[in-house]
Amino acid sequence: LQVYAVAVDELFSPQSLRATFAYFGDGLEEVTYEVDEAWLSEARAAVHRLAAGIDEERFEPAASAGCRWCDFVAFCQAGQSFLERGSF
């Protein structure tokens, strides 16, 4: 989700920007950040690392209960194993 904040900053250069992340695991948790240059620098680095990993075909699966709804579980051994164990 950091990529959206980076894109907004690069396209519109707003005077201020806030990013709110919502987590829907065992309920709703929202975390809001005031986006400053340090936050954007860290976000840009994270986005570049992710893109480089995709480009280099480095995909580290992180199995979770979300695997139940994943369109790619048929291709993901980690997700399949997780679901077979009934770990959710």
N, C-alpha and C. Protein backbone atom coordinates (compact mmCIF):
# COMPACT_ATOMS: atom_id res chain seq x y z
N LEU A 1 0.81 -1.21 0.00
CA LEU A 1 0.00 0.00 0.00
C LEU A 1 0.85 1.27 0.00
N GLN A 2 2.11 1.10 0.39
CA GLN A 2 3.00 2.27 0.38
C GLN A 2 3.13 2.86 -1.02
N VAL A 3 3.00 2.04 -2.03
CA VAL A 3 3.17 2.52 -3.40
C VAL A 3 2.15 3.62 -3.73
N TYR A 4 0.96 3.56 -3.15
CA TYR A 4 -0.04 4.59 -3.41
C TYR A 4 0.42 5.94 -2.86
N ALA A 5 0.97 5.95 -1.67
CA ALA A 5 1.46 7.20 -1.09
C ALA A 5 2.62 7.75 -1.91
N VAL A 6 3.51 6.88 -2.35
CA VAL A 6 4.64 7.31 -3.19
C VAL A 6 4.11 7.90 -4.49
N ALA A 7 3.14 7.25 -5.10
CA ALA A 7 2.58 7.74 -6.36
C ALA A 7 1.90 9.09 -6.19
N VAL A 8 1.12 9.23 -5.12
CA VAL A 8 0.46 10.51 -4.86
C VAL A 8 1.50 11.62 -4.71
N ASP A 9 2.55 11.34 -3.95
CA ASP A 9 3.60 12.35 -3.75
C ASP A 9 4.27 12.71 -5.07
N GLU A 10 4.58 11.72 -5.88
CA GLU A 10 5.28 11.99 -7.13
C GLU A 10 4.40 12.66 -8.17
N LEU A 11 3.12 12.34 -8.19
CA LEU A 11 2.22 12.91 -9.20
C LEU A 11 1.66 14.28 -8.81
N PHE A 12 1.41 14.47 -7.51
CA PHE A 12 0.70 15.68 -7.09
C PHE A 12 1.47 16.58 -6.13
N SER A 13 2.53 16.10 -5.53
CA SER A 13 3.34 16.85 -4.56
C SER A 13 2.47 17.62 -3.55
N PRO A 14 1.63 16.92 -2.80
CA PRO A 14 0.74 17.61 -1.86
C PRO A 14 1.52 18.25 -0.71
N GLN A 15 0.94 19.29 -0.11
CA GLN A 15 1.56 19.95 1.03
C GLN A 15 1.64 19.02 2.24
N SER A 16 0.62 18.18 2.40
CA SER A 16 0.62 17.20 3.48
C SER A 16 -0.06 15.93 2.97
N LEU A 17 0.30 14.84 3.59
CA LEU A 17 -0.23 13.56 3.16
C LEU A 17 -0.27 12.63 4.36
N ARG A 18 -1.36 11.91 4.50
CA ARG A 18 -1.50 10.89 5.54
C ARG A 18 -1.82 9.57 4.86
N ALA A 19 -1.28 8.49 5.41
CA ALA A 19 -1.55 7.15 4.88
C ALA A 19 -2.15 6.32 6.00
N THR A 20 -3.29 5.73 5.73
CA THR A 20 -3.96 4.88 6.72
C THR A 20 -4.01 3.46 6.19
N PHE A 21 -3.50 2.54 7.00
CA PHE A 21 -3.52 1.13 6.68
C PHE A 21 -4.58 0.47 7.55
N ALA A 22 -5.43 -0.33 6.95
CA ALA A 22 -6.48 -1.04 7.68
C ALA A 22 -6.16 -2.53 7.64
N TYR A 23 -6.18 -3.16 8.82
CA TYR A 23 -5.92 -4.58 8.95
C TYR A 23 -7.22 -5.25 9.39
N PHE A 24 -7.63 -6.29 8.66
CA PHE A 24 -8.91 -6.94 8.91
C PHE A 24 -8.77 -8.36 9.41
N GLY A 25 -7.77 -8.67 10.20
CA GLY A 25 -7.56 -10.03 10.71
C GLY A 25 -8.65 -10.44 11.67
N ASP A 26 -8.45 -10.19 12.94
CA ASP A 26 -9.42 -10.56 13.97
C ASP A 26 -10.29 -9.38 14.36
N GLY A 27 -10.49 -8.48 13.47
CA GLY A 27 -11.23 -7.26 13.73
C GLY A 27 -10.61 -6.16 12.89
N LEU A 28 -11.00 -4.95 13.13
CA LEU A 28 -10.48 -3.83 12.36
C LEU A 28 -9.45 -3.08 13.18
N GLU A 29 -8.28 -2.90 12.61
CA GLU A 29 -7.25 -2.07 13.23
C GLU A 29 -6.77 -1.10 12.16
N GLU A 30 -6.78 0.18 12.46
CA GLU A 30 -6.30 1.18 11.53
C GLU A 30 -5.06 1.84 12.11
N VAL A 31 -4.06 2.03 11.25
CA VAL A 31 -2.84 2.72 11.64
C VAL A 31 -2.62 3.84 10.63
N THR A 32 -2.52 5.07 11.13
CA THR A 32 -2.35 6.23 10.27
C THR A 32 -0.97 6.83 10.48
N TYR A 33 -0.33 7.17 9.37
CA TYR A 33 0.99 7.79 9.39
C TYR A 33 0.91 9.17 8.76
N GLU A 34 1.57 10.14 9.36
CA GLU A 34 1.78 11.42 8.72
C GLU A 34 2.99 11.21 7.81
N VAL A 35 2.79 11.35 6.53
CA VAL A 35 3.83 11.04 5.56
C VAL A 35 4.79 12.23 5.47
N ASP A 36 6.05 11.97 5.84
CA ASP A 36 7.08 12.99 5.71
C ASP A 36 8.18 12.44 4.81
N GLU A 37 9.24 13.18 4.62
CA GLU A 37 10.31 12.75 3.71
C GLU A 37 10.95 11.44 4.17
N ALA A 38 11.13 11.25 5.47
CA ALA A 38 11.73 10.00 5.97
C ALA A 38 10.82 8.82 5.67
N TRP A 39 9.51 8.99 5.89
CA TRP A 39 8.54 7.92 5.61
C TRP A 39 8.54 7.60 4.12
N LEU A 40 8.54 8.65 3.27
CA LEU A 40 8.54 8.43 1.83
C LEU A 40 9.82 7.74 1.37
N SER A 41 10.94 8.11 1.94
CA SER A 41 12.21 7.48 1.57
C SER A 41 12.18 6.00 1.90
N GLU A 42 11.69 5.66 3.08
CA GLU A 42 11.58 4.25 3.46
C GLU A 42 10.58 3.52 2.57
N ALA A 43 9.47 4.16 2.25
CA ALA A 43 8.46 3.54 1.39
C ALA A 43 9.01 3.31 -0.01
N ARG A 44 9.71 4.30 -0.55
CA ARG A 44 10.31 4.14 -1.89
C ARG A 44 11.30 2.97 -1.89
N ALA A 45 12.12 2.87 -0.85
CA ALA A 45 13.10 1.77 -0.77
C ALA A 45 12.38 0.42 -0.71
N ALA A 46 11.30 0.34 0.05
CA ALA A 46 10.54 -0.91 0.16
C ALA A 46 9.93 -1.29 -1.19
N VAL A 47 9.38 -0.31 -1.90
CA VAL A 47 8.77 -0.56 -3.20
C VAL A 47 9.84 -1.02 -4.19
N HIS A 48 11.00 -0.39 -4.17
CA HIS A 48 12.09 -0.78 -5.08
C HIS A 48 12.59 -2.19 -4.76
N ARG A 49 12.70 -2.54 -3.47
CA ARG A 49 13.11 -3.90 -3.09
C ARG A 49 12.10 -4.92 -3.60
N LEU A 50 10.83 -4.62 -3.43
CA LEU A 50 9.78 -5.53 -3.89
C LEU A 50 9.84 -5.70 -5.41
N ALA A 51 9.96 -4.59 -6.13
CA ALA A 51 10.03 -4.65 -7.59
C ALA A 51 11.27 -5.41 -8.05
N ALA A 52 12.40 -5.21 -7.39
CA ALA A 52 13.62 -5.93 -7.75
C ALA A 52 13.45 -7.42 -7.51
N GLY A 53 12.79 -7.78 -6.41
CA GLY A 53 12.55 -9.20 -6.14
C GLY A 53 11.68 -9.83 -7.19
N ILE A 54 10.67 -9.12 -7.65
CA ILE A 54 9.80 -9.63 -8.71
C ILE A 54 10.60 -9.79 -10.00
N ASP A 55 11.40 -8.76 -10.31
CA ASP A 55 12.21 -8.79 -11.53
C ASP A 55 13.20 -9.95 -11.50
N GLU A 56 13.73 -10.26 -10.32
CA GLU A 56 14.71 -11.35 -10.17
C GLU A 56 14.03 -12.69 -9.87
N GLU A 57 12.70 -12.71 -9.93
CA GLU A 57 11.90 -13.90 -9.67
C GLU A 57 12.16 -14.49 -8.30
N ARG A 58 12.34 -13.61 -7.30
CA ARG A 58 12.47 -14.05 -5.91
C ARG A 58 11.11 -13.89 -5.26
N PHE A 59 10.47 -14.99 -4.98
CA PHE A 59 9.15 -14.97 -4.39
C PHE A 59 9.17 -15.82 -3.13
N GLU A 60 9.13 -15.17 -1.98
CA GLU A 60 9.10 -15.89 -0.72
C GLU A 60 7.65 -15.96 -0.24
N PRO A 61 7.03 -17.13 -0.32
CA PRO A 61 5.63 -17.23 0.10
C PRO A 61 5.49 -17.07 1.61
N ALA A 62 4.43 -16.44 2.01
CA ALA A 62 4.11 -16.26 3.43
C ALA A 62 2.71 -16.81 3.65
N ALA A 63 2.65 -18.09 3.95
CA ALA A 63 1.36 -18.76 4.11
C ALA A 63 0.60 -18.21 5.31
N SER A 64 -0.72 -18.06 5.13
CA SER A 64 -1.58 -17.57 6.20
C SER A 64 -3.01 -18.03 5.91
N ALA A 65 -3.91 -17.64 6.79
CA ALA A 65 -5.32 -17.98 6.58
C ALA A 65 -5.84 -17.41 5.27
N GLY A 66 -5.21 -16.36 4.78
CA GLY A 66 -5.61 -15.77 3.50
C GLY A 66 -5.44 -16.72 2.32
N CYS A 67 -4.64 -17.76 2.51
CA CYS A 67 -4.45 -18.74 1.44
C CYS A 67 -5.78 -19.37 1.01
N ARG A 68 -6.75 -19.40 1.92
CA ARG A 68 -8.06 -20.00 1.59
C ARG A 68 -8.72 -19.30 0.41
N TRP A 69 -8.42 -18.02 0.22
CA TRP A 69 -9.07 -17.24 -0.82
C TRP A 69 -8.12 -16.86 -1.95
N CYS A 70 -6.89 -17.31 -1.90
CA CYS A 70 -5.89 -16.90 -2.87
C CYS A 70 -6.09 -17.60 -4.21
N ASP A 71 -6.07 -16.83 -5.28
CA ASP A 71 -6.20 -17.38 -6.62
C ASP A 71 -4.98 -18.18 -7.05
N PHE A 72 -3.86 -18.02 -6.34
CA PHE A 72 -2.61 -18.66 -6.75
C PHE A 72 -2.23 -19.86 -5.88
N VAL A 73 -3.08 -20.26 -4.95
CA VAL A 73 -2.74 -21.36 -4.05
C VAL A 73 -2.47 -22.65 -4.82
N ALA A 74 -3.06 -22.82 -5.98
CA ALA A 74 -2.82 -24.02 -6.78
C ALA A 74 -1.36 -24.12 -7.21
N PHE A 75 -0.65 -23.00 -7.22
CA PHE A 75 0.75 -22.96 -7.65
C PHE A 75 1.72 -22.77 -6.49
N CYS A 76 1.21 -22.70 -5.27
CA CYS A 76 2.02 -22.33 -4.11
C CYS A 76 2.09 -23.50 -3.12
N GLN A 77 3.25 -24.15 -3.07
CA GLN A 77 3.42 -25.29 -2.18
C GLN A 77 3.25 -24.89 -0.72
N ALA A 78 3.77 -23.73 -0.34
CA ALA A 78 3.66 -23.27 1.05
C ALA A 78 2.19 -23.08 1.44
N GLY A 79 1.40 -22.49 0.55
CA GLY A 79 -0.01 -22.29 0.83
C GLY A 79 -0.78 -23.59 0.88
N GLN A 80 -0.45 -24.50 -0.03
CA GLN A 80 -1.12 -25.80 -0.03
C GLN A 80 -0.82 -26.56 1.26
N SER A 81 0.44 -26.56 1.67
CA SER A 81 0.82 -27.25 2.91
C SER A 81 0.12 -26.65 4.11
N PHE A 82 0.05 -25.34 4.14
CA PHE A 82 -0.61 -24.64 5.23
C PHE A 82 -2.07 -25.06 5.33
N LEU A 83 -2.75 -25.10 4.19
CA LEU A 83 -4.17 -25.47 4.18
C LEU A 83 -4.38 -26.94 4.52
N GLU A 84 -3.47 -27.80 4.07
CA GLU A 84 -3.58 -29.23 4.39
C GLU A 84 -3.44 -29.48 5.88
N ARG A 85 -2.60 -28.68 6.56
CA ARG A 85 -2.42 -28.83 8.00
C ARG A 85 -3.61 -28.27 8.77
N GLY A 86 -4.46 -27.51 8.10
CA GLY A 86 -5.59 -26.90 8.79
C GLY A 86 -5.14 -25.90 9.85
N SER A 87 -4.09 -25.19 9.55
CA SER A 87 -3.46 -24.27 10.51
C SER A 87 -4.21 -22.96 10.68
N PHE A 88 -5.37 -22.85 10.11
CA PHE A 88 -6.08 -21.58 10.20
C PHE A 88 -7.16 -21.70 11.15
